[in-house]
Amino acid sequence: MANPIIKIHIEGAGPMTFELYPEKAPITVKHFLTLAEEGFYSGLIFHKLIKEFMAQTGGHEMDFVERERPETIYGEFAENGWDKNDIKHERGVLTMARPLTKPDGATTQFCIMLGDWPTLDGKYAAFGRMIDGMDLLDIIEDQPTGKFGPDRDVPLTWIIIERVEICNPEEFSL
């Protein structure tokens, strides 16, 4: 059985392709794929960008209104008692953000790692890895950032998810 392959299409720029790892983070992968299938991520922006660290998305529209959903899923990482997830937080890895209100879980927001951060290993639920599109990730990382209201490290030019495409739904089961 193959792993899920997804493409995150960036408006006006093209796709980045990722392989997801349900054997390492089954709840996280299923949650992400459900949201993608529903079109939840379409139109959302990358609202935080820290060079050589991460690009975060999955919760804000262009007016910074949150589109998060209320459900929280279990965080599949070692610090939370989950020992099956050994994915390292390296450049190109997908990992779930943790909400301040429930630091042992996740909601809809996720990050693409822009550098290697071993200090995050076992503390966040990594669930996929980029297999194509590193050149687009370089372009995203090079965007200038500033403040938007109280938030900092916001890209000054909106980076918008056009859609998340599930490329091989017939090849895997969750």
N, C-alpha and C. Protein backbone atom coordinates (compact mmCIF):
# COMPACT_ATOMS: atom_id res chain seq x y z
N MET A 1 0.84 -1.18 0.00
CA MET A 1 0.00 0.00 0.00
C MET A 1 0.89 1.25 0.00
N ALA A 2 0.62 2.19 -0.86
CA ALA A 2 1.41 3.40 -0.99
C ALA A 2 1.03 4.42 0.08
N ASN A 3 1.95 5.32 0.36
CA ASN A 3 1.65 6.46 1.24
C ASN A 3 0.91 7.53 0.46
N PRO A 4 0.08 8.33 1.14
CA PRO A 4 -0.58 9.44 0.46
C PRO A 4 0.44 10.44 -0.10
N ILE A 5 0.16 10.91 -1.30
CA ILE A 5 0.95 11.96 -1.94
C ILE A 5 0.00 13.14 -2.12
N ILE A 6 0.45 14.31 -1.68
CA ILE A 6 -0.37 15.52 -1.84
C ILE A 6 0.44 16.61 -2.53
N LYS A 7 -0.29 17.52 -3.16
CA LYS A 7 0.32 18.72 -3.73
C LYS A 7 -0.35 19.92 -3.09
N ILE A 8 0.47 20.81 -2.56
CA ILE A 8 -0.03 22.09 -2.07
C ILE A 8 0.22 23.09 -3.18
N HIS A 9 -0.87 23.52 -3.82
CA HIS A 9 -0.78 24.46 -4.93
C HIS A 9 -0.79 25.88 -4.37
N ILE A 10 0.25 26.65 -4.71
CA ILE A 10 0.37 28.04 -4.28
C ILE A 10 -0.09 28.93 -5.42
N GLU A 11 -1.01 29.82 -5.10
CA GLU A 11 -1.61 30.70 -6.11
C GLU A 11 -0.53 31.46 -6.87
N GLY A 12 -0.55 31.32 -8.20
CA GLY A 12 0.38 32.03 -9.07
C GLY A 12 1.79 31.49 -9.10
N ALA A 13 2.06 30.38 -8.38
CA ALA A 13 3.44 29.89 -8.30
C ALA A 13 3.59 28.41 -8.64
N GLY A 14 2.57 27.61 -8.38
CA GLY A 14 2.67 26.18 -8.68
C GLY A 14 2.59 25.32 -7.43
N PRO A 15 2.87 24.01 -7.62
CA PRO A 15 2.71 23.08 -6.50
C PRO A 15 4.03 22.69 -5.82
N MET A 16 3.89 22.28 -4.57
CA MET A 16 4.92 21.57 -3.82
C MET A 16 4.32 20.20 -3.51
N THR A 17 5.09 19.14 -3.70
CA THR A 17 4.59 17.78 -3.53
C THR A 17 5.18 17.16 -2.27
N PHE A 18 4.32 16.47 -1.50
CA PHE A 18 4.72 15.85 -0.24
C PHE A 18 4.23 14.42 -0.17
N GLU A 19 5.02 13.58 0.48
CA GLU A 19 4.60 12.24 0.85
C GLU A 19 4.24 12.28 2.33
N LEU A 20 3.07 11.73 2.68
CA LEU A 20 2.62 11.69 4.07
C LEU A 20 2.88 10.31 4.65
N TYR A 21 3.04 10.24 5.97
CA TYR A 21 3.43 8.99 6.63
C TYR A 21 2.41 8.57 7.69
N PRO A 22 1.34 7.88 7.26
CA PRO A 22 0.33 7.46 8.22
C PRO A 22 0.84 6.43 9.23
N GLU A 23 1.89 5.71 8.91
CA GLU A 23 2.43 4.75 9.88
C GLU A 23 3.11 5.46 11.05
N LYS A 24 3.51 6.71 10.86
CA LYS A 24 4.17 7.50 11.91
C LYS A 24 3.17 8.39 12.67
N ALA A 25 2.16 8.89 11.96
CA ALA A 25 1.19 9.82 12.55
C ALA A 25 -0.19 9.60 11.92
N PRO A 26 -0.85 8.48 12.22
CA PRO A 26 -2.11 8.15 11.55
C PRO A 26 -3.25 9.14 11.81
N ILE A 27 -3.38 9.61 13.02
CA ILE A 27 -4.46 10.56 13.34
C ILE A 27 -4.22 11.87 12.60
N THR A 28 -2.98 12.33 12.62
CA THR A 28 -2.62 13.60 11.98
C THR A 28 -2.84 13.52 10.47
N VAL A 29 -2.37 12.45 9.84
CA VAL A 29 -2.52 12.31 8.39
C VAL A 29 -3.99 12.24 8.01
N LYS A 30 -4.77 11.45 8.73
CA LYS A 30 -6.21 11.35 8.43
C LYS A 30 -6.89 12.71 8.58
N HIS A 31 -6.57 13.44 9.65
CA HIS A 31 -7.15 14.77 9.90
C HIS A 31 -6.79 15.73 8.76
N PHE A 32 -5.51 15.75 8.38
CA PHE A 32 -5.05 16.64 7.32
C PHE A 32 -5.74 16.30 6.00
N LEU A 33 -5.81 15.01 5.66
CA LEU A 33 -6.44 14.61 4.40
C LEU A 33 -7.94 14.91 4.40
N THR A 34 -8.60 14.77 5.52
CA THR A 34 -10.02 15.11 5.61
C THR A 34 -10.22 16.59 5.35
N LEU A 35 -9.40 17.42 5.97
CA LEU A 35 -9.49 18.87 5.75
C LEU A 35 -9.20 19.22 4.29
N ALA A 36 -8.18 18.59 3.72
CA ALA A 36 -7.83 18.85 2.32
C ALA A 36 -8.97 18.45 1.39
N GLU A 37 -9.56 17.29 1.64
CA GLU A 37 -10.66 16.79 0.82
C GLU A 37 -11.87 17.73 0.88
N GLU A 38 -12.10 18.32 2.04
CA GLU A 38 -13.21 19.27 2.22
C GLU A 38 -12.92 20.63 1.61
N GLY A 39 -11.68 20.88 1.17
CA GLY A 39 -11.30 22.18 0.62
C GLY A 39 -11.00 23.21 1.70
N PHE A 40 -10.80 22.76 2.94
CA PHE A 40 -10.59 23.67 4.05
C PHE A 40 -9.41 24.62 3.81
N TYR A 41 -8.32 24.11 3.27
CA TYR A 41 -7.10 24.92 3.14
C TYR A 41 -7.13 25.90 1.95
N SER A 42 -8.07 25.75 1.04
CA SER A 42 -8.13 26.63 -0.13
C SER A 42 -8.37 28.07 0.29
N GLY A 43 -7.52 28.96 -0.18
CA GLY A 43 -7.66 30.39 0.10
C GLY A 43 -6.96 30.85 1.37
N LEU A 44 -6.36 29.94 2.12
CA LEU A 44 -5.66 30.35 3.34
C LEU A 44 -4.26 30.85 2.99
N ILE A 45 -3.72 31.69 3.86
CA ILE A 45 -2.41 32.29 3.64
C ILE A 45 -1.35 31.64 4.54
N PHE A 46 -0.11 31.78 4.13
CA PHE A 46 1.00 31.53 5.04
C PHE A 46 1.10 32.78 5.90
N HIS A 47 0.79 32.65 7.18
CA HIS A 47 0.68 33.83 8.04
C HIS A 47 1.91 34.05 8.91
N LYS A 48 2.85 33.13 8.88
CA LYS A 48 4.09 33.31 9.63
C LYS A 48 5.22 32.69 8.82
N LEU A 49 6.31 33.43 8.70
CA LEU A 49 7.46 32.99 7.91
C LEU A 49 8.73 33.43 8.63
N ILE A 50 9.48 32.45 9.11
CA ILE A 50 10.74 32.74 9.79
C ILE A 50 11.84 32.02 9.03
N LYS A 51 12.68 32.81 8.37
CA LYS A 51 13.73 32.25 7.53
C LYS A 51 14.57 31.22 8.29
N GLU A 52 14.92 30.15 7.59
CA GLU A 52 15.71 29.04 8.11
C GLU A 52 15.02 28.30 9.26
N PHE A 53 13.73 28.61 9.52
CA PHE A 53 12.98 27.91 10.57
C PHE A 53 11.74 27.26 9.98
N MET A 54 10.68 28.06 9.71
CA MET A 54 9.44 27.45 9.21
C MET A 54 8.54 28.48 8.55
N ALA A 55 7.62 27.94 7.71
CA ALA A 55 6.54 28.72 7.11
C ALA A 55 5.24 28.10 7.62
N GLN A 56 4.40 28.89 8.29
CA GLN A 56 3.19 28.36 8.92
C GLN A 56 1.94 28.82 8.19
N THR A 57 0.97 27.92 8.09
CA THR A 57 -0.29 28.17 7.41
C THR A 57 -1.38 27.32 8.04
N GLY A 58 -2.57 27.40 7.46
CA GLY A 58 -3.64 26.50 7.86
C GLY A 58 -4.68 27.08 8.79
N GLY A 59 -4.67 28.40 8.98
CA GLY A 59 -5.65 28.94 9.90
C GLY A 59 -6.15 30.34 9.62
N HIS A 60 -5.50 31.07 8.70
CA HIS A 60 -5.86 32.47 8.50
C HIS A 60 -6.16 32.79 7.05
N GLU A 61 -7.17 33.65 6.88
CA GLU A 61 -7.48 34.19 5.56
C GLU A 61 -6.73 35.51 5.41
N MET A 62 -6.84 36.16 4.24
CA MET A 62 -6.05 37.36 3.97
C MET A 62 -6.35 38.52 4.91
N ASP A 63 -7.53 38.56 5.50
CA ASP A 63 -7.82 39.63 6.46
C ASP A 63 -7.43 39.23 7.88
N PHE A 64 -6.72 38.12 8.00
CA PHE A 64 -6.24 37.54 9.25
C PHE A 64 -7.36 37.01 10.13
N VAL A 65 -8.55 36.88 9.57
CA VAL A 65 -9.62 36.22 10.30
C VAL A 65 -9.28 34.74 10.34
N GLU A 66 -9.42 34.14 11.52
CA GLU A 66 -9.10 32.73 11.66
C GLU A 66 -10.19 31.86 11.05
N ARG A 67 -9.77 30.80 10.40
CA ARG A 67 -10.69 29.82 9.85
C ARG A 67 -10.53 28.48 10.58
N GLU A 68 -9.89 28.52 11.72
CA GLU A 68 -9.66 27.28 12.46
C GLU A 68 -10.98 26.63 12.85
N ARG A 69 -10.92 25.32 12.97
CA ARG A 69 -12.07 24.56 13.44
C ARG A 69 -11.84 24.20 14.90
N PRO A 70 -12.91 23.99 15.63
CA PRO A 70 -12.77 23.81 17.07
C PRO A 70 -12.14 22.49 17.52
N GLU A 71 -12.24 21.44 16.69
CA GLU A 71 -11.73 20.15 17.17
C GLU A 71 -10.21 20.16 17.29
N THR A 72 -9.75 19.46 18.30
CA THR A 72 -8.32 19.29 18.52
C THR A 72 -8.03 17.80 18.44
N ILE A 73 -6.96 17.46 17.73
CA ILE A 73 -6.56 16.06 17.64
C ILE A 73 -5.37 15.81 18.56
N TYR A 74 -5.21 14.55 18.90
CA TYR A 74 -4.09 14.11 19.73
C TYR A 74 -2.78 14.37 19.01
N GLY A 75 -1.80 14.91 19.72
CA GLY A 75 -0.49 15.18 19.15
C GLY A 75 0.39 13.94 19.16
N GLU A 76 0.71 13.43 17.99
CA GLU A 76 1.49 12.20 17.87
C GLU A 76 2.99 12.49 17.88
N PHE A 77 3.51 12.73 19.08
CA PHE A 77 4.94 13.00 19.26
C PHE A 77 5.38 12.42 20.59
N ALA A 78 6.68 12.14 20.71
CA ALA A 78 7.24 11.42 21.87
C ALA A 78 6.94 12.10 23.20
N GLU A 79 7.07 13.40 23.26
CA GLU A 79 6.82 14.12 24.51
C GLU A 79 5.38 13.92 25.00
N ASN A 80 4.52 13.49 24.11
CA ASN A 80 3.11 13.25 24.41
C ASN A 80 2.82 11.75 24.59
N GLY A 81 3.87 10.94 24.64
CA GLY A 81 3.70 9.51 24.84
C GLY A 81 3.58 8.68 23.58
N TRP A 82 3.72 9.29 22.41
CA TRP A 82 3.60 8.58 21.13
C TRP A 82 5.01 8.24 20.66
N ASP A 83 5.36 6.95 20.62
CA ASP A 83 6.73 6.56 20.29
C ASP A 83 6.94 6.10 18.85
N LYS A 84 5.91 6.18 18.00
CA LYS A 84 6.03 5.71 16.61
C LYS A 84 6.51 6.79 15.64
N ASN A 85 6.54 8.03 16.09
CA ASN A 85 6.87 9.13 15.18
C ASN A 85 8.33 9.55 15.38
N ASP A 86 9.20 9.06 14.49
CA ASP A 86 10.62 9.42 14.57
C ASP A 86 11.05 10.34 13.42
N ILE A 87 10.08 11.01 12.79
CA ILE A 87 10.40 11.93 11.69
C ILE A 87 11.17 13.13 12.26
N LYS A 88 12.30 13.41 11.66
CA LYS A 88 13.14 14.54 12.09
C LYS A 88 12.62 15.84 11.48
N HIS A 89 12.71 16.90 12.23
CA HIS A 89 12.28 18.22 11.75
C HIS A 89 13.40 18.84 10.91
N GLU A 90 13.42 18.44 9.63
CA GLU A 90 14.41 18.89 8.68
C GLU A 90 13.72 19.70 7.58
N ARG A 91 14.51 20.41 6.81
CA ARG A 91 13.98 21.22 5.71
C ARG A 91 13.05 20.38 4.84
N GLY A 92 11.84 20.91 4.59
CA GLY A 92 10.87 20.25 3.74
C GLY A 92 9.90 19.34 4.47
N VAL A 93 10.03 19.18 5.77
CA VAL A 93 9.13 18.33 6.55
C VAL A 93 7.86 19.10 6.90
N LEU A 94 6.72 18.40 6.82
CA LEU A 94 5.44 18.95 7.27
C LEU A 94 5.26 18.59 8.74
N THR A 95 4.86 19.54 9.55
CA THR A 95 4.62 19.29 10.96
C THR A 95 3.43 20.12 11.43
N MET A 96 2.68 19.60 12.36
CA MET A 96 1.52 20.31 12.88
C MET A 96 1.96 21.37 13.88
N ALA A 97 1.29 22.52 13.85
CA ALA A 97 1.48 23.54 14.87
C ALA A 97 0.68 23.11 16.10
N ARG A 98 1.08 23.57 17.26
CA ARG A 98 0.36 23.25 18.49
C ARG A 98 -0.31 24.51 19.01
N PRO A 99 -1.61 24.44 19.30
CA PRO A 99 -2.29 25.63 19.82
C PRO A 99 -1.86 25.92 21.26
N LEU A 100 -1.79 27.20 21.61
CA LEU A 100 -1.41 27.58 22.97
C LEU A 100 -2.39 27.02 24.00
N THR A 101 -3.66 26.90 23.60
CA THR A 101 -4.68 26.44 24.53
C THR A 101 -4.65 24.94 24.74
N LYS A 102 -4.00 24.19 23.86
CA LYS A 102 -3.93 22.73 24.00
C LYS A 102 -2.60 22.25 23.44
N PRO A 103 -1.50 22.48 24.18
CA PRO A 103 -0.17 22.20 23.64
C PRO A 103 0.15 20.72 23.42
N ASP A 104 -0.74 19.82 23.84
CA ASP A 104 -0.50 18.40 23.59
C ASP A 104 -1.26 17.91 22.35
N GLY A 105 -1.85 18.85 21.59
CA GLY A 105 -2.65 18.48 20.43
C GLY A 105 -2.36 19.35 19.23
N ALA A 106 -3.28 19.32 18.27
CA ALA A 106 -3.18 20.12 17.06
C ALA A 106 -4.58 20.41 16.55
N THR A 107 -4.70 21.45 15.73
CA THR A 107 -5.99 21.78 15.11
C THR A 107 -5.83 21.70 13.60
N THR A 108 -5.77 22.82 12.92
CA THR A 108 -5.68 22.83 11.45
C THR A 108 -4.36 23.39 10.94
N GLN A 109 -3.63 24.11 11.78
CA GLN A 109 -2.43 24.79 11.32
C GLN A 109 -1.24 23.83 11.23
N PHE A 110 -0.44 24.05 10.19
CA PHE A 110 0.75 23.24 10.00
C PHE A 110 1.88 24.11 9.49
N CYS A 111 3.08 23.57 9.55
CA CYS A 111 4.29 24.27 9.11
C CYS A 111 5.04 23.42 8.10
N ILE A 112 5.75 24.11 7.23
CA ILE A 112 6.75 23.47 6.39
C ILE A 112 8.08 23.93 6.93
N MET A 113 8.92 23.00 7.32
CA MET A 113 10.21 23.36 7.89
C MET A 113 11.12 23.96 6.81
N LEU A 114 11.77 25.06 7.15
CA LEU A 114 12.69 25.74 6.24
C LEU A 114 14.15 25.47 6.60
N GLY A 115 14.35 24.77 7.68
CA GLY A 115 15.70 24.40 8.13
C GLY A 115 15.60 23.18 9.01
N ASP A 116 16.73 22.73 9.49
CA ASP A 116 16.79 21.57 10.37
C ASP A 116 16.71 22.06 11.82
N TRP A 117 15.73 21.55 12.57
CA TRP A 117 15.50 21.96 13.96
C TRP A 117 15.31 20.73 14.83
N PRO A 118 16.42 20.05 15.21
CA PRO A 118 16.31 18.85 16.03
C PRO A 118 15.67 19.11 17.39
N THR A 119 15.67 20.35 17.86
CA THR A 119 15.03 20.65 19.15
C THR A 119 13.52 20.45 19.10
N LEU A 120 12.93 20.36 17.90
CA LEU A 120 11.49 20.13 17.76
C LEU A 120 11.16 18.64 17.69
N ASP A 121 12.17 17.80 17.43
CA ASP A 121 11.94 16.36 17.30
C ASP A 121 11.33 15.83 18.60
N GLY A 122 10.23 15.08 18.45
CA GLY A 122 9.56 14.51 19.61
C GLY A 122 8.65 15.47 20.35
N LYS A 123 8.57 16.73 19.86
CA LYS A 123 7.75 17.75 20.53
C LYS A 123 6.60 18.25 19.66
N TYR A 124 6.65 17.91 18.37
CA TYR A 124 5.61 18.28 17.41
C TYR A 124 5.35 17.08 16.51
N ALA A 125 4.13 16.99 16.01
CA ALA A 125 3.74 15.86 15.17
C ALA A 125 4.11 16.11 13.71
N ALA A 126 5.33 15.69 13.34
CA ALA A 126 5.74 15.72 11.93
C ALA A 126 4.97 14.59 11.22
N PHE A 127 4.56 14.84 9.97
CA PHE A 127 3.72 13.85 9.31
C PHE A 127 3.97 13.69 7.82
N GLY A 128 4.92 14.41 7.26
CA GLY A 128 5.19 14.28 5.83
C GLY A 128 6.50 14.94 5.46
N ARG A 129 6.91 14.71 4.21
CA ARG A 129 8.17 15.25 3.72
C ARG A 129 8.02 15.65 2.26
N MET A 130 8.62 16.79 1.90
CA MET A 130 8.58 17.28 0.52
C MET A 130 9.37 16.34 -0.38
N ILE A 131 8.76 15.99 -1.52
CA ILE A 131 9.46 15.16 -2.50
C ILE A 131 9.67 15.90 -3.82
N ASP A 132 9.03 17.07 -3.97
CA ASP A 132 9.25 17.89 -5.16
C ASP A 132 8.77 19.31 -4.86
N GLY A 133 9.50 20.29 -5.34
CA GLY A 133 9.10 21.68 -5.19
C GLY A 133 9.97 22.50 -4.27
N MET A 134 11.17 22.01 -3.98
CA MET A 134 12.06 22.74 -3.08
C MET A 134 12.38 24.13 -3.63
N ASP A 135 12.40 24.28 -4.96
CA ASP A 135 12.65 25.59 -5.56
C ASP A 135 11.54 26.57 -5.18
N LEU A 136 10.29 26.10 -5.11
CA LEU A 136 9.18 26.97 -4.69
C LEU A 136 9.30 27.29 -3.20
N LEU A 137 9.73 26.32 -2.41
CA LEU A 137 9.94 26.59 -0.99
C LEU A 137 11.02 27.66 -0.80
N ASP A 138 12.07 27.64 -1.63
CA ASP A 138 13.11 28.67 -1.58
C ASP A 138 12.52 30.05 -1.87
N ILE A 139 11.63 30.14 -2.85
CA ILE A 139 10.98 31.41 -3.19
C ILE A 139 10.13 31.90 -2.02
N ILE A 140 9.37 30.99 -1.42
CA ILE A 140 8.55 31.36 -0.26
C ILE A 140 9.44 31.88 0.86
N GLU A 141 10.52 31.16 1.15
CA GLU A 141 11.40 31.55 2.25
C GLU A 141 12.02 32.93 2.02
N ASP A 142 12.27 33.28 0.78
CA ASP A 142 12.93 34.55 0.46
C ASP A 142 12.00 35.76 0.51
N GLN A 143 10.72 35.57 0.76
CA GLN A 143 9.78 36.68 0.81
C GLN A 143 10.08 37.57 2.02
N PRO A 144 10.04 38.88 1.83
CA PRO A 144 10.24 39.78 2.98
C PRO A 144 9.05 39.70 3.94
N THR A 145 9.34 39.89 5.21
CA THR A 145 8.30 39.83 6.24
C THR A 145 8.26 41.13 7.03
N GLY A 146 7.16 41.31 7.75
CA GLY A 146 7.00 42.49 8.59
C GLY A 146 5.88 42.24 9.58
N LYS A 147 5.26 43.33 10.01
CA LYS A 147 4.17 43.23 10.99
C LYS A 147 2.83 43.41 10.29
N PHE A 148 1.81 42.73 10.82
CA PHE A 148 0.43 42.91 10.38
C PHE A 148 -0.38 42.95 11.66
N GLY A 149 -0.78 44.15 12.10
CA GLY A 149 -1.42 44.28 13.39
C GLY A 149 -0.43 43.87 14.47
N PRO A 150 -0.86 43.03 15.39
CA PRO A 150 0.06 42.62 16.47
C PRO A 150 1.02 41.50 16.06
N ASP A 151 0.78 40.90 14.90
CA ASP A 151 1.60 39.76 14.48
C ASP A 151 2.85 40.23 13.75
N ARG A 152 3.94 39.49 13.96
CA ARG A 152 5.19 39.78 13.26
C ARG A 152 5.58 38.57 12.42
N ASP A 153 6.60 38.71 11.61
CA ASP A 153 7.06 37.64 10.72
C ASP A 153 5.97 37.22 9.73
N VAL A 154 5.18 38.20 9.29
CA VAL A 154 4.11 37.96 8.32
C VAL A 154 4.67 38.31 6.93
N PRO A 155 4.52 37.41 5.94
CA PRO A 155 4.97 37.76 4.59
C PRO A 155 4.29 39.05 4.11
N LEU A 156 5.06 39.97 3.55
CA LEU A 156 4.50 41.25 3.10
C LEU A 156 3.71 41.10 1.81
N THR A 157 3.96 40.03 1.07
CA THR A 157 3.14 39.66 -0.09
C THR A 157 2.44 38.37 0.28
N TRP A 158 1.11 38.35 0.11
CA TRP A 158 0.37 37.15 0.51
C TRP A 158 0.82 35.93 -0.26
N ILE A 159 1.06 34.85 0.45
CA ILE A 159 1.34 33.54 -0.14
C ILE A 159 0.09 32.72 0.16
N ILE A 160 -0.68 32.43 -0.88
CA ILE A 160 -2.02 31.87 -0.72
C ILE A 160 -2.07 30.42 -1.23
N ILE A 161 -2.66 29.56 -0.42
CA ILE A 161 -2.89 28.18 -0.87
C ILE A 161 -4.09 28.19 -1.80
N GLU A 162 -3.86 27.83 -3.03
CA GLU A 162 -4.96 27.71 -4.00
C GLU A 162 -5.81 26.49 -3.65
N ARG A 163 -5.11 25.36 -3.42
CA ARG A 163 -5.81 24.13 -3.01
C ARG A 163 -4.77 23.10 -2.58
N VAL A 164 -5.24 22.10 -1.86
CA VAL A 164 -4.43 20.93 -1.54
C VAL A 164 -5.04 19.76 -2.30
N GLU A 165 -4.24 19.17 -3.15
CA GLU A 165 -4.69 18.06 -4.00
C GLU A 165 -4.17 16.74 -3.44
N ILE A 166 -5.06 15.77 -3.31
CA ILE A 166 -4.65 14.42 -2.93
C ILE A 166 -4.44 13.67 -4.24
N CYS A 167 -3.20 13.28 -4.51
CA CYS A 167 -2.83 12.76 -5.83
C CYS A 167 -3.15 11.28 -6.04
N ASN A 168 -3.15 10.49 -4.98
CA ASN A 168 -3.29 9.04 -5.16
C ASN A 168 -4.29 8.42 -4.17
N PRO A 169 -5.51 8.93 -4.09
CA PRO A 169 -6.43 8.41 -3.06
C PRO A 169 -6.76 6.92 -3.20
N GLU A 170 -6.67 6.39 -4.41
CA GLU A 170 -6.99 4.98 -4.62
C GLU A 170 -5.85 4.05 -4.20
N GLU A 171 -4.68 4.59 -3.89
CA GLU A 171 -3.52 3.75 -3.59
C GLU A 171 -3.25 3.55 -2.10
N PHE A 172 -4.02 4.19 -1.23
CA PHE A 172 -3.77 4.05 0.20
C PHE A 172 -5.10 3.94 0.94
N SER A 173 -5.02 3.44 2.15
CA SER A 173 -6.18 3.44 3.03
C SER A 173 -5.72 3.86 4.42
N LEU A 174 -6.60 4.52 5.12
CA LEU A 174 -6.25 4.98 6.48
C LEU A 174 -7.06 4.23 7.51
